[in-house]
C-alpha cells in the first residue's frame, strides 16, 4: 500500500483495516511513508505500513444524522409534554 497516495482533506474520517482484521477509525493527524496516525475522541492510534490491509474514507450519512436528530426531537417533545401536563395538574 502506498501511504503517500492517500489524500487527506480537512475533517475527513478514515477507517483502517489491519492485516489481523482489527479496525481503527478517525482523522489522520500524521502520515509518512511508514505509518498513519489517526485521532479519534482525543486518543491517537497508529498503523504501520506492514499492518495495513485496507484504508477507506468514511462517508457522511445524512440518514444516520437525521435519525439522531429525529430521536432527540421526539425525546424533547415527550419531555416538554410531561412538564406541561405536570404544570396543568397543579403539582
N, C-alpha and C. Protein backbone atom coordinates (compact mmCIF):
# COMPACT_ATOMS: atom_id res chain seq x y z
N UNK A 1 0.84 -1.18 0.00
CA UNK A 1 0.00 0.00 0.00
C UNK A 1 0.88 1.23 0.00
N UNK A 2 0.58 2.18 -0.86
CA UNK A 2 1.31 3.44 -0.92
C UNK A 2 0.60 4.46 -0.04
N UNK A 3 1.12 4.64 1.15
CA UNK A 3 0.51 5.56 2.11
C UNK A 3 0.52 6.98 1.57
N UNK A 4 1.54 7.35 0.84
CA UNK A 4 1.64 8.71 0.31
C UNK A 4 0.56 9.02 -0.73
N UNK A 5 -0.07 8.01 -1.30
CA UNK A 5 -1.13 8.22 -2.28
C UNK A 5 -2.45 8.61 -1.63
N UNK A 6 -2.55 8.45 -0.32
CA UNK A 6 -3.78 8.79 0.39
C UNK A 6 -3.88 10.31 0.50
N UNK A 7 -4.93 10.87 -0.06
CA UNK A 7 -5.15 12.31 0.01
C UNK A 7 -5.93 12.64 1.27
N UNK A 8 -5.44 13.61 2.00
CA UNK A 8 -6.05 13.99 3.26
C UNK A 8 -6.76 15.32 3.10
N UNK A 9 -8.06 15.30 3.34
CA UNK A 9 -8.84 16.53 3.33
C UNK A 9 -9.28 16.84 4.74
N UNK A 10 -9.45 18.11 5.02
CA UNK A 10 -9.82 18.55 6.37
C UNK A 10 -11.12 17.89 6.81
N UNK A 11 -11.14 17.40 8.03
CA UNK A 11 -12.30 16.78 8.68
C UNK A 11 -12.74 15.47 8.06
N UNK A 12 -11.94 14.90 7.19
CA UNK A 12 -12.31 13.63 6.57
C UNK A 12 -11.96 12.48 7.51
N UNK A 13 -12.89 11.55 7.67
CA UNK A 13 -12.68 10.42 8.56
C UNK A 13 -12.27 9.19 7.76
N UNK A 14 -11.37 8.42 8.35
CA UNK A 14 -10.86 7.21 7.70
C UNK A 14 -11.10 6.00 8.58
N UNK A 15 -11.17 4.85 7.94
CA UNK A 15 -11.22 3.57 8.65
C UNK A 15 -10.11 2.72 8.06
N UNK A 16 -9.22 2.26 8.93
CA UNK A 16 -8.12 1.40 8.50
C UNK A 16 -8.39 -0.01 9.01
N UNK A 17 -8.39 -0.96 8.07
CA UNK A 17 -8.48 -2.36 8.45
C UNK A 17 -7.08 -2.93 8.41
N UNK A 18 -6.68 -3.52 9.53
CA UNK A 18 -5.34 -4.08 9.62
C UNK A 18 -5.33 -5.51 9.10
N UNK A 19 -4.15 -6.05 8.89
CA UNK A 19 -3.98 -7.42 8.41
C UNK A 19 -4.64 -8.41 9.36
N UNK A 20 -4.61 -8.11 10.67
CA UNK A 20 -5.25 -9.00 11.65
C UNK A 20 -6.76 -8.79 11.74
N UNK A 21 -7.31 -7.98 10.82
CA UNK A 21 -8.74 -7.69 10.67
C UNK A 21 -9.31 -6.77 11.75
N UNK A 22 -8.48 -6.20 12.61
CA UNK A 22 -8.97 -5.18 13.54
C UNK A 22 -9.09 -3.87 12.74
N UNK A 23 -9.96 -2.99 13.22
CA UNK A 23 -10.19 -1.72 12.53
C UNK A 23 -9.94 -0.56 13.48
N UNK A 24 -9.37 0.50 12.94
CA UNK A 24 -9.25 1.74 13.68
C UNK A 24 -9.89 2.84 12.84
N UNK A 25 -10.50 3.80 13.52
CA UNK A 25 -11.22 4.87 12.83
C UNK A 25 -10.79 6.21 13.39
N UNK A 26 -10.84 7.23 12.54
CA UNK A 26 -10.54 8.57 13.00
C UNK A 26 -10.05 9.46 11.87
N UNK A 27 -9.55 10.63 12.27
CA UNK A 27 -8.99 11.59 11.32
C UNK A 27 -7.47 11.45 11.31
N UNK A 28 -6.88 11.56 10.14
CA UNK A 28 -5.43 11.46 10.04
C UNK A 28 -4.80 12.72 10.62
N UNK A 29 -3.94 12.53 11.61
CA UNK A 29 -3.20 13.66 12.18
C UNK A 29 -1.77 13.67 11.68
N UNK A 30 -1.29 12.51 11.22
CA UNK A 30 0.07 12.42 10.70
C UNK A 30 0.18 11.20 9.80
N UNK A 31 0.98 11.34 8.77
CA UNK A 31 1.27 10.19 7.92
C UNK A 31 2.62 10.41 7.26
N UNK A 32 3.33 9.33 7.07
CA UNK A 32 4.57 9.34 6.30
C UNK A 32 4.65 8.02 5.55
N UNK A 33 5.79 7.73 4.96
CA UNK A 33 5.89 6.51 4.15
C UNK A 33 5.86 5.22 4.96
N UNK A 34 5.94 5.33 6.30
CA UNK A 34 5.97 4.13 7.15
C UNK A 34 4.73 3.91 8.00
N UNK A 35 3.97 4.97 8.31
CA UNK A 35 2.83 4.82 9.22
C UNK A 35 1.79 5.91 9.04
N UNK A 36 0.60 5.63 9.59
CA UNK A 36 -0.50 6.60 9.63
C UNK A 36 -0.94 6.69 11.09
N UNK A 37 -1.14 7.91 11.56
CA UNK A 37 -1.64 8.11 12.92
C UNK A 37 -3.02 8.75 12.82
N UNK A 38 -4.01 8.08 13.42
CA UNK A 38 -5.38 8.57 13.44
C UNK A 38 -5.73 9.09 14.83
N UNK A 39 -6.58 10.11 14.88
CA UNK A 39 -7.08 10.65 16.14
C UNK A 39 -8.58 10.46 16.17
N UNK A 40 -9.07 9.94 17.30
CA UNK A 40 -10.50 9.73 17.47
C UNK A 40 -10.85 9.95 18.93
N UNK A 41 -11.69 10.93 19.19
CA UNK A 41 -12.15 11.26 20.54
C UNK A 41 -10.99 11.52 21.50
N UNK A 42 -10.00 12.24 21.02
CA UNK A 42 -8.89 12.64 21.87
C UNK A 42 -7.75 11.66 22.01
N UNK A 43 -7.91 10.44 21.52
CA UNK A 43 -6.81 9.46 21.61
C UNK A 43 -6.29 9.18 20.20
N UNK A 44 -5.01 8.80 20.14
CA UNK A 44 -4.40 8.51 18.85
C UNK A 44 -4.11 7.01 18.72
N UNK A 45 -4.17 6.54 17.49
CA UNK A 45 -3.87 5.15 17.18
C UNK A 45 -2.98 5.13 15.95
N UNK A 46 -1.99 4.27 15.97
CA UNK A 46 -1.01 4.20 14.89
C UNK A 46 -1.14 2.87 14.14
N UNK A 47 -1.02 2.95 12.82
CA UNK A 47 -0.97 1.75 11.98
C UNK A 47 0.26 1.87 11.09
N UNK A 48 1.13 0.87 11.15
CA UNK A 48 2.31 0.88 10.29
C UNK A 48 1.95 0.34 8.91
N UNK A 49 2.79 0.62 7.95
CA UNK A 49 2.55 0.18 6.58
C UNK A 49 2.37 -1.34 6.50
N UNK A 50 3.15 -2.08 7.28
CA UNK A 50 3.07 -3.53 7.28
C UNK A 50 1.76 -4.05 7.87
N UNK A 51 1.14 -3.29 8.77
CA UNK A 51 -0.10 -3.71 9.42
C UNK A 51 -1.35 -3.44 8.58
N UNK A 52 -1.25 -2.50 7.65
CA UNK A 52 -2.43 -2.01 6.93
C UNK A 52 -2.84 -2.97 5.83
N UNK A 53 -4.11 -3.40 5.89
CA UNK A 53 -4.69 -4.22 4.83
C UNK A 53 -5.46 -3.34 3.85
N UNK A 54 -6.25 -2.39 4.41
CA UNK A 54 -7.10 -1.55 3.57
C UNK A 54 -7.38 -0.23 4.27
N UNK A 55 -7.47 0.84 3.49
CA UNK A 55 -7.82 2.16 4.02
C UNK A 55 -9.06 2.64 3.29
N UNK A 56 -10.08 3.03 4.05
CA UNK A 56 -11.32 3.52 3.47
C UNK A 56 -11.65 4.89 4.02
N UNK A 57 -12.22 5.73 3.17
CA UNK A 57 -12.74 7.01 3.62
C UNK A 57 -14.16 6.76 4.11
N UNK A 58 -14.43 7.20 5.34
CA UNK A 58 -15.78 7.02 5.88
C UNK A 58 -16.66 8.12 5.31
N UNK A 59 -17.77 7.72 4.75
CA UNK A 59 -18.69 8.65 4.10
C UNK A 59 -19.67 9.23 5.12
N UNK A 60 -20.04 10.49 4.91
CA UNK A 60 -21.07 11.13 5.72
C UNK A 60 -22.42 10.56 5.33
N UNK A 61 -23.22 10.22 6.32
CA UNK A 61 -24.53 9.65 6.06
C UNK A 61 -25.62 10.58 6.57
N UNK A 62 -26.39 11.15 5.66
CA UNK A 62 -27.49 12.04 6.05
C UNK A 62 -28.57 11.26 6.78
N UNK A 63 -28.75 9.98 6.42
CA UNK A 63 -29.78 9.18 7.09
C UNK A 63 -29.42 8.94 8.55
N UNK A 64 -28.16 8.64 8.84
CA UNK A 64 -27.75 8.44 10.23
C UNK A 64 -27.89 9.73 11.01
N UNK A 65 -27.47 10.84 10.40
CA UNK A 65 -27.54 12.13 11.08
C UNK A 65 -28.98 12.55 11.33
N UNK A 66 -29.85 12.37 10.34
CA UNK A 66 -31.24 12.76 10.52
C UNK A 66 -31.94 11.85 11.52
N UNK A 67 -31.53 10.61 11.62
CA UNK A 67 -32.10 9.69 12.61
C UNK A 67 -31.79 10.14 14.02
N UNK A 68 -30.59 10.60 14.26
CA UNK A 68 -30.21 11.10 15.58
C UNK A 68 -31.01 12.34 15.93
N UNK A 69 -31.17 13.24 14.96
CA UNK A 69 -31.94 14.47 15.19
C UNK A 69 -33.39 14.14 15.47
N UNK A 70 -33.96 13.19 14.74
CA UNK A 70 -35.37 12.82 14.94
C UNK A 70 -35.60 12.22 16.31
N UNK A 71 -34.70 11.37 16.77
CA UNK A 71 -34.83 10.77 18.11
C UNK A 71 -34.72 11.85 19.18
N UNK A 72 -33.78 12.75 19.03
CA UNK A 72 -33.61 13.84 20.00
C UNK A 72 -34.85 14.72 20.04
N UNK A 73 -35.42 15.04 18.89
CA UNK A 73 -36.62 15.86 18.83
C UNK A 73 -37.80 15.15 19.49
N UNK A 74 -37.93 13.86 19.27
CA UNK A 74 -39.02 13.10 19.89
C UNK A 74 -38.88 13.07 21.41
N UNK A 75 -37.67 12.89 21.89
CA UNK A 75 -37.44 12.88 23.34
C UNK A 75 -37.72 14.24 23.95
N UNK A 76 -37.33 15.31 23.26
CA UNK A 76 -37.61 16.65 23.76
C UNK A 76 -39.11 16.92 23.80
N UNK A 77 -39.84 16.49 22.79
CA UNK A 77 -41.29 16.68 22.75
C UNK A 77 -41.95 15.90 23.88
N UNK A 78 -41.49 14.68 24.14
CA UNK A 78 -42.04 13.87 25.21
C UNK A 78 -41.78 14.52 26.56
N UNK A 79 -40.57 15.03 26.75
CA UNK A 79 -40.19 15.70 27.98
C UNK A 79 -41.03 16.97 28.18
N UNK A 80 -41.19 17.77 27.12
CA UNK A 80 -41.97 19.00 27.21
C UNK A 80 -43.43 18.70 27.53
N UNK A 81 -43.97 17.65 26.93
CA UNK A 81 -45.35 17.26 27.20
C UNK A 81 -45.54 16.87 28.65
N UNK A 82 -44.59 16.15 29.20
CA UNK A 82 -44.71 15.73 30.61
C UNK A 82 -44.59 16.93 31.55
N UNK A 83 -43.79 17.91 31.21
CA UNK A 83 -43.68 19.12 32.05
C UNK A 83 -44.97 19.92 31.99
N UNK A 84 -45.55 20.08 30.81
CA UNK A 84 -46.80 20.84 30.65
C UNK A 84 -47.93 20.12 31.39
N UNK A 85 -47.98 18.80 31.26
CA UNK A 85 -49.03 18.03 31.94
C UNK A 85 -48.88 18.17 33.45
N UNK A 86 -47.66 18.17 33.94
CA UNK A 86 -47.41 18.32 35.39
C UNK A 86 -47.79 19.72 35.86
N UNK A 87 -47.55 20.74 35.05
CA UNK A 87 -47.88 22.12 35.43
C UNK A 87 -49.40 22.31 35.44
N UNK A 88 -50.09 21.70 34.51
CA UNK A 88 -51.55 21.84 34.44
C UNK A 88 -52.26 21.08 35.54
N UNK A 89 -51.63 20.08 36.10
CA UNK A 89 -52.28 19.30 37.15
C UNK A 89 -52.14 19.98 38.50
N UNK A 90 -51.37 21.07 38.54
CA UNK A 90 -51.24 21.82 39.77
C UNK A 90 -50.19 21.27 40.70
N UNK A 91 -49.42 20.34 40.28
CA UNK A 91 -48.49 19.74 41.19
C UNK A 91 -47.15 19.73 40.71
